[in-house]
Amino acid sequence: MGLVTGTRYRYMRHRIDSLDVENCRCKYTLIEGDMLTEKIEYVVNEVEFEKALEGGCVCKVRSEFHSGQDVEINEEEIRAGKERAIGMYRVVEAFLFENPGAYD
């Protein structure tokens, strides 16, 4: 398994915890992958899409980092994780704009 372009991680496995298609919400947990370390045991993400007043939508993401140890995750690590997530959503957004039939 090779590295994905633009990241140092090889793989991630997620579990879908809840999916509310009607309200455009999803909750999923990162349960396995080389992103997880001795500091981070798993990560719970909640994603919600809301209509924007000027058209399109706003994506709200909340992440909870869980550790089996009494450790703190510093702001720099949180910021780096957030930037990676935003990058992933931008790739998905670009794909959907280029392939509108993919989500019909």
Protein backbone atom coordinates (compact mmCIF):
# COMPACT_ATOMS: atom_id res chain seq x y z
CA MET A 1 0.00 0.00 0.00
CA GLY A 2 1.62 3.27 -1.11
CA LEU A 3 1.33 6.70 0.40
CA VAL A 4 -1.54 8.88 -0.69
CA THR A 5 -0.32 12.03 -2.44
CA GLY A 6 -0.02 14.95 -0.03
CA THR A 7 -0.01 12.91 3.18
CA ARG A 8 2.40 10.80 5.17
CA TYR A 9 -0.26 8.24 6.13
CA ARG A 10 -0.79 4.93 4.35
CA TYR A 11 -4.26 3.96 5.52
CA MET A 12 -7.18 4.77 7.80
CA ARG A 13 -10.20 2.68 8.74
CA HIS A 14 -13.40 4.37 9.84
CA ARG A 15 -16.61 3.08 11.39
CA ILE A 16 -19.89 4.83 10.56
CA ASP A 17 -21.64 5.42 13.90
CA SER A 18 -24.71 7.25 12.58
CA LEU A 19 -25.95 8.55 9.26
CA ASP A 20 -28.84 11.00 8.98
CA VAL A 21 -29.30 11.54 5.25
CA GLU A 22 -32.41 13.70 5.68
CA ASN A 23 -30.56 16.22 7.88
CA CYS A 24 -27.16 15.83 6.14
CA ARG A 25 -25.34 14.58 9.26
CA CYS A 26 -22.83 11.82 9.77
CA LYS A 27 -20.89 10.59 12.78
CA TYR A 28 -17.91 8.32 12.23
CA THR A 29 -14.92 7.07 14.18
CA LEU A 30 -11.33 6.62 13.04
CA ILE A 31 -10.62 3.20 14.55
CA GLU A 32 -7.48 2.08 12.78
CA GLY A 33 -4.60 3.54 10.82
CA ASP A 34 -1.07 4.77 11.02
CA MET A 35 -2.35 8.23 12.02
CA LEU A 36 -3.23 6.78 15.41
CA THR A 37 -0.33 6.92 17.84
CA GLU A 38 0.44 6.25 21.47
CA LYS A 39 -1.21 9.61 22.11
CA ILE A 40 -4.39 9.08 20.05
CA GLU A 41 -6.37 5.87 20.50
CA TYR A 42 -9.31 6.86 18.25
CA VAL A 43 -11.00 9.97 16.84
CA VAL A 44 -14.76 10.61 16.68
CA ASN A 45 -15.91 13.00 13.94
CA GLU A 46 -19.32 14.60 13.47
CA VAL A 47 -20.03 16.24 10.12
CA GLU A 48 -23.06 18.37 9.28
CA PHE A 49 -23.93 20.23 6.09
CA GLU A 50 -26.23 23.26 6.27
CA LYS A 51 -27.61 25.44 3.47
CA ALA A 52 -25.77 28.73 3.11
CA LEU A 53 -27.76 31.94 2.62
CA GLU A 54 -25.78 32.87 -0.49
CA GLY A 55 -26.14 29.39 -2.01
CA GLY A 56 -24.17 26.22 -1.60
CA CYS A 57 -23.61 24.88 1.89
CA VAL A 58 -21.53 25.17 5.02
CA CYS A 59 -19.78 22.10 6.37
CA LYS A 60 -19.40 21.93 10.15
CA VAL A 61 -17.01 19.36 11.58
CA ARG A 62 -16.42 18.49 15.21
CA SER A 63 -13.66 16.07 16.22
CA GLU A 64 -12.99 14.44 19.56
CA PHE A 65 -9.55 12.96 20.13
CA HIS A 66 -9.45 10.08 22.62
CA SER A 67 -6.39 8.75 24.36
CA GLY A 68 -5.89 5.74 26.57
CA GLN A 69 -3.27 7.65 28.50
CA ASP A 70 -3.23 10.87 30.48
CA VAL A 71 -1.67 12.96 27.70
CA GLU A 72 -2.47 16.29 26.14
CA ILE A 73 -2.63 16.95 22.42
CA ASN A 74 -1.11 20.34 21.67
CA GLU A 75 -2.65 23.04 19.49
CA GLU A 76 -0.17 22.46 16.68
CA GLU A 77 -1.22 18.80 16.38
CA ILE A 78 -4.90 19.77 16.40
CA ARG A 79 -4.32 22.46 13.76
CA ALA A 80 -2.40 20.01 11.53
CA GLY A 81 -5.24 17.47 11.80
CA LYS A 82 -7.80 20.14 10.98
CA GLU A 83 -5.86 21.23 7.90
CA ARG A 84 -5.66 17.62 6.66
CA ALA A 85 -9.42 17.21 7.11
CA ILE A 86 -10.14 20.47 5.28
CA GLY A 87 -7.90 19.29 2.45
CA MET A 88 -9.85 16.04 2.18
CA TYR A 89 -13.17 17.89 2.02
CA ARG A 90 -11.81 20.19 -0.70
CA VAL A 91 -10.80 17.18 -2.80
CA VAL A 92 -14.28 15.68 -2.38
CA GLU A 93 -15.90 19.03 -3.20
CA ALA A 94 -13.83 19.39 -6.38
CA PHE A 95 -14.73 15.85 -7.46
CA LEU A 96 -18.45 16.46 -6.91
CA PHE A 97 -18.36 19.74 -8.88
CA GLU A 98 -16.64 17.97 -11.76
CA ASN A 99 -18.94 14.91 -11.55
CA PRO A 100 -22.43 16.11 -10.59
CA GLY A 101 -23.97 12.76 -11.57
CA ALA A 102 -21.96 11.02 -8.83
CA TYR A 103 -24.37 12.11 -6.13
CA ASP A 104 -27.76 11.81 -7.84
